[in-house]
C-alpha atoms as a PDB file:
ATOM      1  CA  UNK A   1       0.020  -0.008  -0.093  1.00  0.00           C
ATOM      2  CA  UNK A   2       1.865   3.041  -1.252  1.00  0.00           C
ATOM      3  CA  UNK A   3       1.640   5.782  -3.934  1.00  0.00           C
ATOM      4  CA  UNK A   4       4.681   7.874  -4.672  1.00  0.00           C
ATOM      5  CA  UNK A   5       8.185   7.153  -6.033  1.00  0.00           C
ATOM      6  CA  UNK A   6       9.349   6.559  -2.388  1.00  0.00           C
ATOM      7  CA  UNK A   7       7.172   3.491  -2.302  1.00  0.00           C
ATOM      8  CA  UNK A   8       8.330   1.865  -5.527  1.00  0.00           C
ATOM      9  CA  UNK A   9      11.594   0.361  -4.347  1.00  0.00           C
ATOM     10  CA  UNK A  10       9.765  -1.270  -1.453  1.00  0.00           C
ATOM     11  CA  UNK A  11       7.211  -2.984  -3.679  1.00  0.00           C
ATOM     12  CA  UNK A  12      10.056  -4.193  -5.983  1.00  0.00           C
ATOM     13  CA  UNK A  13      11.916  -5.569  -2.903  1.00  0.00           C
ATOM     14  CA  UNK A  14       8.792  -7.548  -1.704  1.00  0.00           C
ATOM     15  CA  UNK A  15       8.412  -9.101  -5.268  1.00  0.00           C
ATOM     16  CA  UNK A  16      12.055  -9.760  -5.624  1.00  0.00           C
ATOM     17  CA  UNK A  17      12.217 -11.517  -2.246  1.00  0.00           C
ATOM     18  CA  UNK A  18       9.701 -14.143  -3.285  1.00  0.00           C
ATOM     19  CA  UNK A  19       6.824 -12.987  -1.192  1.00  0.00           C
ATOM     20  CA  UNK A  20       3.406 -13.389  -2.804  1.00  0.00           C
ATOM     21  CA  UNK A  21       2.056  -9.861  -3.428  1.00  0.00           C
ATOM     22  CA  UNK A  22      -1.739 -10.459  -3.836  1.00  0.00           C
ATOM     23  CA  UNK A  23      -2.771  -6.816  -4.233  1.00  0.00           C
ATOM     24  CA  UNK A  24      -1.385  -3.374  -4.510  1.00  0.00           C
ATOM     25  CA  UNK A  25      -3.215  -0.358  -3.142  1.00  0.00           C
ATOM     26  CA  UNK A  26      -2.485   3.263  -4.247  1.00  0.00           C
ATOM     27  CA  UNK A  27      -4.074   6.616  -4.615  1.00  0.00           C
ATOM     28  CA  UNK A  28      -6.341   7.043  -7.724  1.00  0.00           C
ATOM     29  CA  UNK A  29      -4.626   8.330 -10.919  1.00  0.00           C
ATOM     30  CA  UNK A  30      -4.281  12.155 -11.053  1.00  0.00           C
ATOM     31  CA  UNK A  31      -5.201  14.309 -14.071  1.00  0.00           C
ATOM     32  CA  UNK A  32      -2.572  16.589 -15.351  1.00  0.00           C
ATOM     33  CA  UNK A  33      -1.026  17.948 -18.511  1.00  0.00           C
ATOM     34  CA  UNK A  34      -2.848  18.928 -21.661  1.00  0.00           C
ATOM     35  CA  UNK A  35      -6.353  17.386 -21.978  1.00  0.00           C
ATOM     36  CA  UNK A  36      -6.165  16.439 -18.186  1.00  0.00           C
ATOM     37  CA  UNK A  37      -5.278  12.865 -18.975  1.00  0.00           C
ATOM     38  CA  UNK A  38      -5.178  10.399 -16.207  1.00  0.00           C
ATOM     39  CA  UNK A  39      -1.669   9.637 -15.025  1.00  0.00           C
ATOM     40  CA  UNK A  40      -1.108   6.638 -12.783  1.00  0.00           C
ATOM     41  CA  UNK A  41       0.974   7.084  -9.618  1.00  0.00           C
ATOM     42  CA  UNK A  42       4.498   5.570  -9.693  1.00  0.00           C
ATOM     43  CA  UNK A  43       3.389   2.640  -7.587  1.00  0.00           C
ATOM     44  CA  UNK A  44       0.376   1.843 -10.043  1.00  0.00           C
ATOM     45  CA  UNK A  45       2.694   2.092 -12.999  1.00  0.00           C
ATOM     46  CA  UNK A  46       5.265  -0.327 -11.420  1.00  0.00           C
ATOM     47  CA  UNK A  47       2.589  -2.801 -10.190  1.00  0.00           C
ATOM     48  CA  UNK A  48       0.856  -2.961 -13.622  1.00  0.00           C
ATOM     49  CA  UNK A  49       4.304  -3.513 -15.178  1.00  0.00           C
ATOM     50  CA  UNK A  50       4.807  -6.461 -12.674  1.00  0.00           C
ATOM     51  CA  UNK A  51       1.304  -7.806 -13.616  1.00  0.00           C
ATOM     52  CA  UNK A  52      -0.110  -7.272 -10.094  1.00  0.00           C
ATOM     53  CA  UNK A  53      -3.785  -6.517  -9.295  1.00  0.00           C
ATOM     54  CA  UNK A  54      -4.180  -2.802  -8.408  1.00  0.00           C
ATOM     55  CA  UNK A  55      -6.815  -1.053  -6.461  1.00  0.00           C
ATOM     56  CA  UNK A  56      -7.141   2.670  -5.939  1.00  0.00           C
ATOM     57  CA  UNK A  57     -10.250   3.560  -3.893  1.00  0.00           C
ATOM     58  CA  UNK A  58     -10.804   7.061  -2.857  1.00  0.00           C
ATOM     59  CA  UNK A  59     -11.451   5.861   0.672  1.00  0.00           C
ATOM     60  CA  UNK A  60     -11.214   2.752   2.779  1.00  0.00           C
ATOM     61  CA  UNK A  61     -14.140   3.764   5.030  1.00  0.00           C
ATOM     62  CA  UNK A  62     -17.016   2.254   3.014  1.00  0.00           C
ATOM     63  CA  UNK A  63     -17.810  -1.252   4.338  1.00  0.00           C
ATOM     64  CA  UNK A  64     -17.569  -2.758   0.855  1.00  0.00           C
ATOM     65  CA  UNK A  65     -13.987  -1.715   0.588  1.00  0.00           C
ATOM     66  CA  UNK A  66     -13.161  -3.061   4.003  1.00  0.00           C
ATOM     67  CA  UNK A  67     -14.868  -6.374   3.088  1.00  0.00           C
ATOM     68  CA  UNK A  68     -12.849  -6.591  -0.246  1.00  0.00           C
ATOM     69  CA  UNK A  69      -9.699  -6.000   1.701  1.00  0.00           C
ATOM     70  CA  UNK A  70     -10.531  -8.660   4.353  1.00  0.00           C
ATOM     71  CA  UNK A  71     -11.403 -11.078   1.624  1.00  0.00           C
ATOM     72  CA  UNK A  72      -7.677 -11.003   0.472  1.00  0.00           C
ATOM     73  CA  UNK A  73      -6.982 -13.163   3.561  1.00  0.00           C
ATOM     74  CA  UNK A  74      -3.542 -11.461   4.172  1.00  0.00           C
ATOM     75  CA  UNK A  75      -0.724 -12.440   6.309  1.00  0.00           C
ATOM     76  CA  UNK A  76       0.435  -8.931   6.440  1.00  0.00           C
ATOM     77  CA  UNK A  77       0.189  -5.539   4.641  1.00  0.00           C
ATOM     78  CA  UNK A  78       3.119  -3.285   4.046  1.00  0.00           C
ATOM     79  CA  UNK A  79       2.275   0.471   4.029  1.00  0.00           C
ATOM     80  CA  UNK A  80       4.643   3.203   2.852  1.00  0.00           C
ATOM     81  CA  UNK A  81       3.520   6.873   1.886  1.00  0.00           C
ATOM     82  CA  UNK A  82       0.007   5.436   0.978  1.00  0.00           C
ATOM     83  CA  UNK A  83      -1.884   8.743   1.652  1.00  0.00           C
ATOM     84  CA  UNK A  84      -5.124   7.322   2.842  1.00  0.00           C
ATOM     85  CA  UNK A  85      -6.282   6.715   6.536  1.00  0.00           C
ATOM     86  CA  UNK A  86      -6.456   3.111   7.348  1.00  0.00           C
ATOM     87  CA  UNK A  87      -9.546   2.450   9.518  1.00  0.00           C
ATOM     88  CA  UNK A  88      -9.358  -0.075  12.413  1.00  0.00           C
ATOM     89  CA  UNK A  89     -10.997  -2.730  10.240  1.00  0.00           C
ATOM     90  CA  UNK A  90      -8.264  -2.428   7.727  1.00  0.00           C
ATOM     91  CA  UNK A  91      -5.480  -2.513  10.396  1.00  0.00           C
ATOM     92  CA  UNK A  92      -6.978  -5.602  12.001  1.00  0.00           C
ATOM     93  CA  UNK A  93      -7.623  -7.566   8.857  1.00  0.00           C
ATOM     94  CA  UNK A  94      -4.281  -9.165   8.054  1.00  0.00           C
ATOM     95  CA  UNK A  95      -3.070 -11.878  10.392  1.00  0.00           C
ATOM     96  CA  UNK A  96       0.021 -10.025  11.425  1.00  0.00           C
ATOM     97  CA  UNK A  97      -1.340  -6.583  11.017  1.00  0.00           C
ATOM     98  CA  UNK A  98       0.070  -3.709   8.900  1.00  0.00           C
ATOM     99  CA  UNK A  99       3.654  -2.793   8.863  1.00  0.00           C
ATOM    100  CA  UNK A 100       4.573   0.845   8.087  1.00  0.00           C
ATOM    101  CA  UNK A 101       7.931   2.074   6.737  1.00  0.00           C
ATOM    102  CA  UNK A 102       8.464   5.556   8.216  1.00  0.00           C
ATOM    103  CA  UNK A 103      11.258   7.834   7.122  1.00  0.00           C
ATOM    104  CA  UNK A 104      12.449   9.117  10.581  1.00  0.00           C
ATOM    105  CA  UNK A 105      13.720   7.801  13.978  1.00  0.00           C
ATOM    106  CA  UNK A 106      10.470   7.629  15.896  1.00  0.00           C
ATOM    107  CA  UNK A 107       9.066   9.288  17.954  1.00  0.00           C
ATOM    108  CA  UNK A 108      10.829  12.198  16.336  1.00  0.00           C
ATOM    109  CA  UNK A 109       9.105  13.433  13.194  1.00  0.00           C
ATOM    110  CA  UNK A 110       5.871  11.630  13.258  1.00  0.00           C
ATOM    111  CA  UNK A 111       3.528  12.815  10.501  1.00  0.00           C
ATOM    112  CA  UNK A 112       3.537  13.956   6.890  1.00  0.00           C
ATOM    113  CA  UNK A 113       6.931  15.475   6.143  1.00  0.00           C
ATOM    114  CA  UNK A 114       9.695  13.796   8.171  1.00  0.00           C
ATOM    115  CA  UNK A 115      12.425  14.205   5.533  1.00  0.00           C
ATOM    116  CA  UNK A 116      11.846  17.960   5.073  1.00  0.00           C
ATOM    117  CA  UNK A 117      11.633  18.612   8.774  1.00  0.00           C
ATOM    118  CA  UNK A 118      14.689  16.751   9.833  1.00  0.00           C
ATOM    119  CA  UNK A 119      16.884  18.822   7.394  1.00  0.00           C
ATOM    120  CA  UNK A 120      15.115  22.008   8.238  1.00  0.00           C
ATOM    121  CA  UNK A 121      15.721  21.406  11.912  1.00  0.00           C
ATOM    122  CA  UNK A 122      19.429  20.733  11.368  1.00  0.00           C
ATOM    123  CA  UNK A 123      19.264  17.100  12.585  1.00  0.00           C
ATOM    124  CA  UNK A 124      22.525  15.142  12.234  1.00  0.00           C
ATOM    125  CA  UNK A 125      20.834  11.791  11.596  1.00  0.00           C
ATOM    126  CA  UNK A 126      17.619  10.139  10.425  1.00  0.00           C
ATOM    127  CA  UNK A 127      16.652   6.790   9.258  1.00  0.00           C
ATOM    128  CA  UNK A 128      13.774   4.346   8.650  1.00  0.00           C
ATOM    129  CA  UNK A 129      11.617   2.687  11.173  1.00  0.00           C
ATOM    130  CA  UNK A 130       9.462  -0.321  10.432  1.00  0.00           C
ATOM    131  CA  UNK A 131       6.553  -0.254  12.845  1.00  0.00           C
ATOM    132  CA  UNK A 132       3.362  -2.096  13.477  1.00  0.00           C
ATOM    133  CA  UNK A 133       0.579   0.305  12.737  1.00  0.00           C
ATOM    134  CA  UNK A 134      -2.014   1.477  15.362  1.00  0.00           C
ATOM    135  CA  UNK A 135      -4.875   3.984  14.965  1.00  0.00           C
ATOM    136  CA  UNK A 136      -2.762   6.794  16.218  1.00  0.00           C
ATOM    137  CA  UNK A 137      -0.520   8.816  13.947  1.00  0.00           C
ATOM    138  CA  UNK A 138       2.791   6.935  13.690  1.00  0.00           C
ATOM    139  CA  UNK A 139       2.466   5.729  17.249  1.00  0.00           C
ATOM    140  CA  UNK A 140       2.998   2.013  16.817  1.00  0.00           C
ATOM    141  CA  UNK A 141       5.768  -0.194  18.199  1.00  0.00           C
ATOM    142  CA  UNK A 142       8.951  -0.419  16.255  1.00  0.00           C
ATOM    143  CA  UNK A 143      10.111  -3.741  14.754  1.00  0.00           C
ATOM    144  CA  UNK A 144      13.408  -2.567  13.289  1.00  0.00           C
ATOM    145  CA  UNK A 145      15.294   0.766  12.997  1.00  0.00           C
ATOM    146  CA  UNK A 146      18.125   1.675  10.602  1.00  0.00           C
ATOM    147  CA  UNK A 147      20.002   5.008  11.011  1.00  0.00           C
ATOM    148  CA  UNK A 148      21.514   7.277   8.420  1.00  0.00           C
ATOM    149  CA  UNK A 149      23.709  10.326   8.732  1.00  0.00           C
ATOM    150  CA  UNK A 150      22.472  13.716   7.366  1.00  0.00           C
ATOM    151  CA  UNK A 151      25.271  15.591   5.619  1.00  0.00           C
ATOM    152  CA  UNK A 152      25.547  19.344   5.277  1.00  0.00           C
ATOM    153  CA  UNK A 153      25.070  18.847   1.479  1.00  0.00           C
ATOM    154  CA  UNK A 154      21.914  16.667   1.752  1.00  0.00           C
ATOM    155  CA  UNK A 155      18.745  18.045   0.393  1.00  0.00           C
ATOM    156  CA  UNK A 156      15.290  16.570   0.810  1.00  0.00           C
ATOM    157  CA  UNK A 157      15.698  15.249  -2.746  1.00  0.00           C
ATOM    158  CA  UNK A 158      19.076  13.407  -2.011  1.00  0.00           C
ATOM    159  CA  UNK A 159      17.999  12.209   1.403  1.00  0.00           C
ATOM    160  CA  UNK A 160      14.735  10.920   0.096  1.00  0.00           C
ATOM    161  CA  UNK A 161      16.551   8.738  -2.421  1.00  0.00           C
ATOM    162  CA  UNK A 162      18.870   7.369   0.290  1.00  0.00           C
ATOM    163  CA  UNK A 163      15.949   6.577   2.632  1.00  0.00           C
ATOM    164  CA  UNK A 164      13.930   4.897  -0.007  1.00  0.00           C
ATOM    165  CA  UNK A 165      16.816   2.571  -0.708  1.00  0.00           C
ATOM    166  CA  UNK A 166      17.341   1.994   3.054  1.00  0.00           C
ATOM    167  CA  UNK A 167      13.579   1.170   3.348  1.00  0.00           C
ATOM    168  CA  UNK A 168      13.741  -1.337   0.582  1.00  0.00           C
ATOM    169  CA  UNK A 169      16.735  -2.947   2.271  1.00  0.00           C
ATOM    170  CA  UNK A 170      15.032  -3.054   5.701  1.00  0.00           C
ATOM    171  CA  UNK A 171      11.521  -4.167   5.040  1.00  0.00           C
ATOM    172  CA  UNK A 172      12.362  -7.787   4.236  1.00  0.00           C
ATOM    173  CA  UNK A 173      14.336  -8.615   7.438  1.00  0.00           C
ATOM    174  CA  UNK A 174      11.804  -6.752   9.493  1.00  0.00           C
ATOM    175  CA  UNK A 175       8.802  -8.415   7.895  1.00  0.00           C
ATOM    176  CA  UNK A 176      10.376 -11.938   8.148  1.00  0.00           C
ATOM    177  CA  UNK A 177      11.805 -11.378  11.649  1.00  0.00           C
ATOM    178  CA  UNK A 178       8.452 -10.047  12.899  1.00  0.00           C
ATOM    179  CA  UNK A 179       6.399 -12.898  11.544  1.00  0.00           C
ATOM    180  CA  UNK A 180       8.892 -15.503  12.804  1.00  0.00           C
ATOM    181  CA  UNK A 181       8.933 -13.995  16.229  1.00  0.00           C
ATOM    182  CA  UNK A 182      12.645 -13.259  16.333  1.00  0.00           C
ATOM    183  CA  UNK A 183      12.056  -9.527  16.272  1.00  0.00           C
ATOM    184  CA  UNK A 184       9.825  -8.214  19.091  1.00  0.00           C
ATOM    185  CA  UNK A 185       8.276  -4.739  18.501  1.00  0.00           C
ATOM    186  CA  UNK A 186       9.437  -2.123  21.046  1.00  0.00           C
ATOM    187  CA  UNK A 187       7.096   0.562  22.270  1.00  0.00           C
ATOM    188  CA  UNK A 188       8.083   4.120  21.250  1.00  0.00           C
ATOM    189  CA  UNK A 189       9.584   6.182  24.077  1.00  0.00           C
ATOM    190  CA  UNK A 190       7.415   8.914  25.574  1.00  0.00           C
ATOM    191  CA  UNK A 191      10.267  11.470  25.437  1.00  0.00           C
ATOM    192  CA  UNK A 192      11.278  13.212  22.164  1.00  0.00           C
ATOM    193  CA  UNK A 193       7.839  13.138  20.430  1.00  0.00           C
ATOM    194  CA  UNK A 194       7.528  15.795  17.761  1.00  0.00           C
ATOM    195  CA  UNK A 195       5.415  16.211  14.576  1.00  0.00           C
ATOM    196  CA  UNK A 196       6.423  16.764  10.959  1.00  0.00           C
ATOM    197  CA  UNK A 197       3.595  18.953   9.812  1.00  0.00           C
ATOM    198  CA  UNK A 198       2.819  19.173   6.128  1.00  0.00           C
ATOM    199  CA  UNK A 199       4.997  21.700   4.360  1.00  0.00           C
ATOM    200  CA  UNK A 200       3.163  25.059   3.840  1.00  0.00           C
ATOM    201  CA  UNK A 201       4.190  27.093   0.837  1.00  0.00           C
ATOM    202  CA  UNK A 202       4.246  30.160   2.984  1.00  0.00           C
ATOM    203  CA  UNK A 203       7.293  28.796   4.663  1.00  0.00           C
ATOM    204  CA  UNK A 204       9.279  29.112   1.454  1.00  0.00           C
ATOM    205  CA  UNK A 205      10.166  32.777   1.570  1.00  0.00           C
ATOM    206  CA  UNK A 206      13.649  33.417   3.026  1.00  0.00           C
ATOM    207  CA  UNK A 207      14.497  35.948   5.766  1.00  0.00           C
ATOM    208  CA  UNK A 208      18.101  36.823   5.254  1.00  0.00           C
ATOM    209  CA  UNK A 209      18.284  38.107   8.853  1.00  0.00           C
ATOM    210  CA  UNK A 210      18.480  34.552   9.973  1.00  0.00           C
ATOM    211  CA  UNK A 211      21.799  32.838  10.645  1.00  0.00           C
ATOM    212  CA  UNK A 212      23.485  31.372   7.619  1.00  0.00           C
ATOM    213  CA  UNK A 213      23.412  27.741   8.797  1.00  0.00           C
ATOM    214  CA  UNK A 214      19.640  28.024   9.591  1.00  0.00           C
ATOM    215  CA  UNK A 215      18.989  29.425   6.045  1.00  0.00           C
ATOM    216  CA  UNK A 216      21.093  26.688   4.369  1.00  0.00           C
ATOM    217  CA  UNK A 217      19.062  23.967   6.400  1.00  0.00           C
ATOM    218  CA  UNK A 218      15.778  25.758   5.317  1.00  0.00           C
ATOM    219  CA  UNK A 219      16.846  25.822   1.640  1.00  0.00           C
ATOM    220  CA  UNK A 220      17.893  22.181   1.597  1.00  0.00           C
ATOM    221  CA  UNK A 221      14.916  21.042   3.500  1.00  0.00           C
ATOM    222  CA  UNK A 222      12.665  22.615   0.806  1.00  0.00           C
ATOM    223  CA  UNK A 223      14.694  21.494  -2.130  1.00  0.00           C
ATOM    224  CA  UNK A 224      13.581  20.531  -4.725  1.00  0.00           C
ATOM    225  CA  UNK A 225       9.933  21.216  -3.670  1.00  0.00           C
ATOM    226  CA  UNK A 226       8.404  23.580  -2.954  1.00  0.00           C
ATOM    227  CA  UNK A 227      11.769  25.351  -3.035  1.00  0.00           C
ATOM    228  CA  UNK A 228      12.842  28.258  -0.825  1.00  0.00           C
ATOM    229  CA  UNK A 229      12.891  31.516  -2.601  1.00  0.00           C
ATOM    230  CA  UNK A 230      14.058  35.111  -2.528  1.00  0.00           C
ATOM    231  CA  UNK A 231      13.328  38.216  -4.705  1.00  0.00           C
ATOM    232  CA  UNK A 232      15.745  40.534  -6.417  1.00  0.00           C
ATOM    233  CA  UNK A 233      13.675  43.253  -7.898  1.00  0.00           C
ATOM    234  CA  UNK A 234      10.840  41.529  -9.744  1.00  0.00           C
ATOM    235  CA  UNK A 235      12.844  38.299 -10.325  1.00  0.00           C
ATOM    236  CA  UNK A 236      12.011  35.350  -8.129  1.00  0.00           C
ATOM    237  CA  UNK A 237      14.825  32.914  -7.388  1.00  0.00           C
ATOM    238  CA  UNK A 238      14.159  29.530  -6.071  1.00  0.00           C
ATOM    239  CA  UNK A 239      17.305  28.605  -4.336  1.00  0.00           C
ATOM    240  CA  UNK A 240      18.174  24.826  -4.302  1.00  0.00           C
ATOM    241  CA  UNK A 241      21.627  24.324  -2.930  1.00  0.00           C
ATOM    242  CA  UNK A 242      23.872  26.579  -0.749  1.00  0.00           C
ATOM    243  CA  UNK A 243      27.001  26.505   1.329  1.00  0.00           C
ATOM    244  CA  UNK A 244      27.817  28.490   4.481  1.00  0.00           C
ATOM    245  CA  UNK A 245      30.941  30.643   3.998  1.00  0.00           C
ATOM    246  CA  UNK A 246      32.616  33.594   5.819  1.00  0.00           C
ATOM    247  CA  UNK A 247      31.255  36.942   4.663  1.00  0.00           C
ATOM    248  CA  UNK A 248      29.925  40.134   6.119  1.00  0.00           C
ATOM    249  CA  UNK A 249      27.390  42.592   4.810  1.00  0.00           C
ATOM    250  CA  UNK A 250      23.815  43.830   5.223  1.00  0.00           C
ATOM    251  CA  UNK A 251      21.410  40.792   5.458  1.00  0.00           C
ATOM    252  CA  UNK A 252      20.421  39.871   1.855  1.00  0.00           C
ATOM    253  CA  UNK A 253      23.290  41.774   0.217  1.00  0.00           C
ATOM    254  CA  UNK A 254      25.221  40.260  -2.697  1.00  0.00           C
ATOM    255  CA  UNK A 255      28.653  40.516  -1.380  1.00  0.00           C
ATOM    256  CA  UNK A 256      30.711  38.296  -3.855  1.00  0.00           C
ATOM    257  CA  UNK A 257      29.956  37.034  -7.367  1.00  0.00           C
ATOM    258  CA  UNK A 258      28.361  35.001  -8.766  1.00  0.00           C
ATOM    259  CA  UNK A 259      25.862  34.593  -5.870  1.00  0.00           C
ATOM    260  CA  UNK A 260      27.257  34.930  -2.227  1.00  0.00           C
ATOM    261  CA  UNK A 261      24.680  36.557   0.032  1.00  0.00           C
ATOM    262  CA  UNK A 262      25.161  38.052   3.533  1.00  0.00           C
ATOM    263  CA  UNK A 263      23.044  36.641   6.292  1.00  0.00           C
ATOM    264  CA  UNK A 264      22.207  37.800   9.891  1.00  0.00           C
ATOM    265  CA  UNK A 265      25.100  36.414  11.890  1.00  0.00           C
ATOM    266  CA  UNK A 266      28.213  37.759  10.136  1.00  0.00           C
ATOM    267  CA  UNK A 267      28.336  34.714   7.797  1.00  0.00           C
ATOM    268  CA  UNK A 268      27.117  34.264   4.244  1.00  0.00           C
ATOM    269  CA  UNK A 269      25.545  31.754   1.979  1.00  0.00           C
ATOM    270  CA  UNK A 270      27.243  30.796  -1.373  1.00  0.00           C
ATOM    271  CA  UNK A 271      24.500  29.770  -3.662  1.00  0.00           C
ATOM    272  CA  UNK A 272      25.405  26.744  -5.833  1.00  0.00           C
ATOM    273  CA  UNK A 273      22.114  26.023  -7.678  1.00  0.00           C
ATOM    274  CA  UNK A 274      18.969  27.983  -8.118  1.00  0.00           C
ATOM    275  CA  UNK A 275      16.097  28.416 -10.601  1.00  0.00           C
ATOM    276  CA  UNK A 276      14.209  31.279 -12.213  1.00  0.00           C
ATOM    277  CA  UNK A 277      10.464  31.149 -12.794  1.00  0.00           C
ATOM    278  CA  UNK A 278       9.806  29.157 -15.964  1.00  0.00           C
ATOM    279  CA  UNK A 279      13.412  27.904 -16.254  1.00  0.00           C
ATOM    280  CA  UNK A 280      15.251  24.804 -15.221  1.00  0.00           C
ATOM    281  CA  UNK A 281      17.838  24.631 -12.324  1.00  0.00           C
ATOM    282  CA  UNK A 282      21.041  26.429 -13.103  1.00  0.00           C
ATOM    283  CA  UNK A 283      24.417  26.878 -11.535  1.00  0.00           C
ATOM    284  CA  UNK A 284      25.072  30.236  -9.844  1.00  0.00           C
ATOM    285  CA  UNK A 285      27.477  31.134 -12.730  1.00  0.00           C
ATOM    286  CA  UNK A 286      24.649  30.486 -15.319  1.00  0.00           C
ATOM    287  CA  UNK A 287      22.230  32.607 -13.399  1.00  0.00           C
ATOM    288  CA  UNK A 288      24.731  35.460 -13.163  1.00  0.00           C
ATOM    289  CA  UNK A 289      25.439  35.486 -16.794  1.00  0.00           C
ATOM    290  CA  UNK A 290      21.766  36.003 -17.475  1.00  0.00           C
ATOM    291  CA  UNK A 291      20.983  38.401 -14.534  1.00  0.00           C
ATOM    292  CA  UNK A 292      24.182  40.537 -14.366  1.00  0.00           C
ATOM    293  CA  UNK A 293      23.559  41.336 -10.754  1.00  0.00           C
ATOM    294  CA  UNK A 294      25.957  44.016  -9.379  1.00  0.00           C
ATOM    295  CA  UNK A 295      27.665  43.800  -6.071  1.00  0.00           C
ATOM    296  CA  UNK A 296      25.452  45.406  -3.335  1.00  0.00           C
ATOM    297  CA  UNK A 297      22.229  44.071  -4.827  1.00  0.00           C
ATOM    298  CA  UNK A 298      19.797  43.368  -2.004  1.00  0.00           C
ATOM    299  CA  UNK A 299      17.700  40.189  -1.883  1.00  0.00           C
ATOM    300  CA  UNK A 300      14.281  40.371  -0.205  1.00  0.00           C
END
């Protein structure tokens, strides 16, 4: 049970391991592009390529959907970034319950955006937890945890790819160990609980009065989507990658070429990649050739 790209490697790992995948659940196809044609989710596309039965109900609350799910007579369900609430009848239907792959070290960053929030908060490590699902939001006991360092160069995009690979490597030993009784789920600690609330686009505007390291974390946490941004005149720059460097100036001031901008703590950010509206990502050098920003330009 999963929908986006993050879930695809886990589906493939289950198939490759020899487990019998009797059904795949995902969100309904979206309509986009010219003509608003239906586009299957990444999980639907992979499942269909593998010849697996695919279901994409809009909700699992109707009794008929719950009966169809129960009729599958499952040993277990594996859930990762599915996007629908699982009612108790669904959670209780498989013999061994529903195992969820969550991209954080629980109980830190329960909720919708754990990868973004970990980077934005300046966390030094994250990982994946395989937990037995309960009715609460990411509250279930953890079967297996694998940790991963967050580097200063990681963005949500790069960390997403590392964690989906780690999740695919972790789910098989967790599933088999749990079912065999060799891995006993441990309750989550009461200390350290925090929530990864869904990203709001209003968070994307940069305030150059903040310390450089905080701004780098904010930029990397929102890269590639929705993308932290700043304005220079009427030009909106979505900043995707940056590095903290020495440099003093008025917060938001362009103090070195091609794109080094002063921050609020006597340090600066050297921008490596950014994007103008309607354009693809560019290096700072490419942007400067097009914009010709003079030293002293103020970003807002």
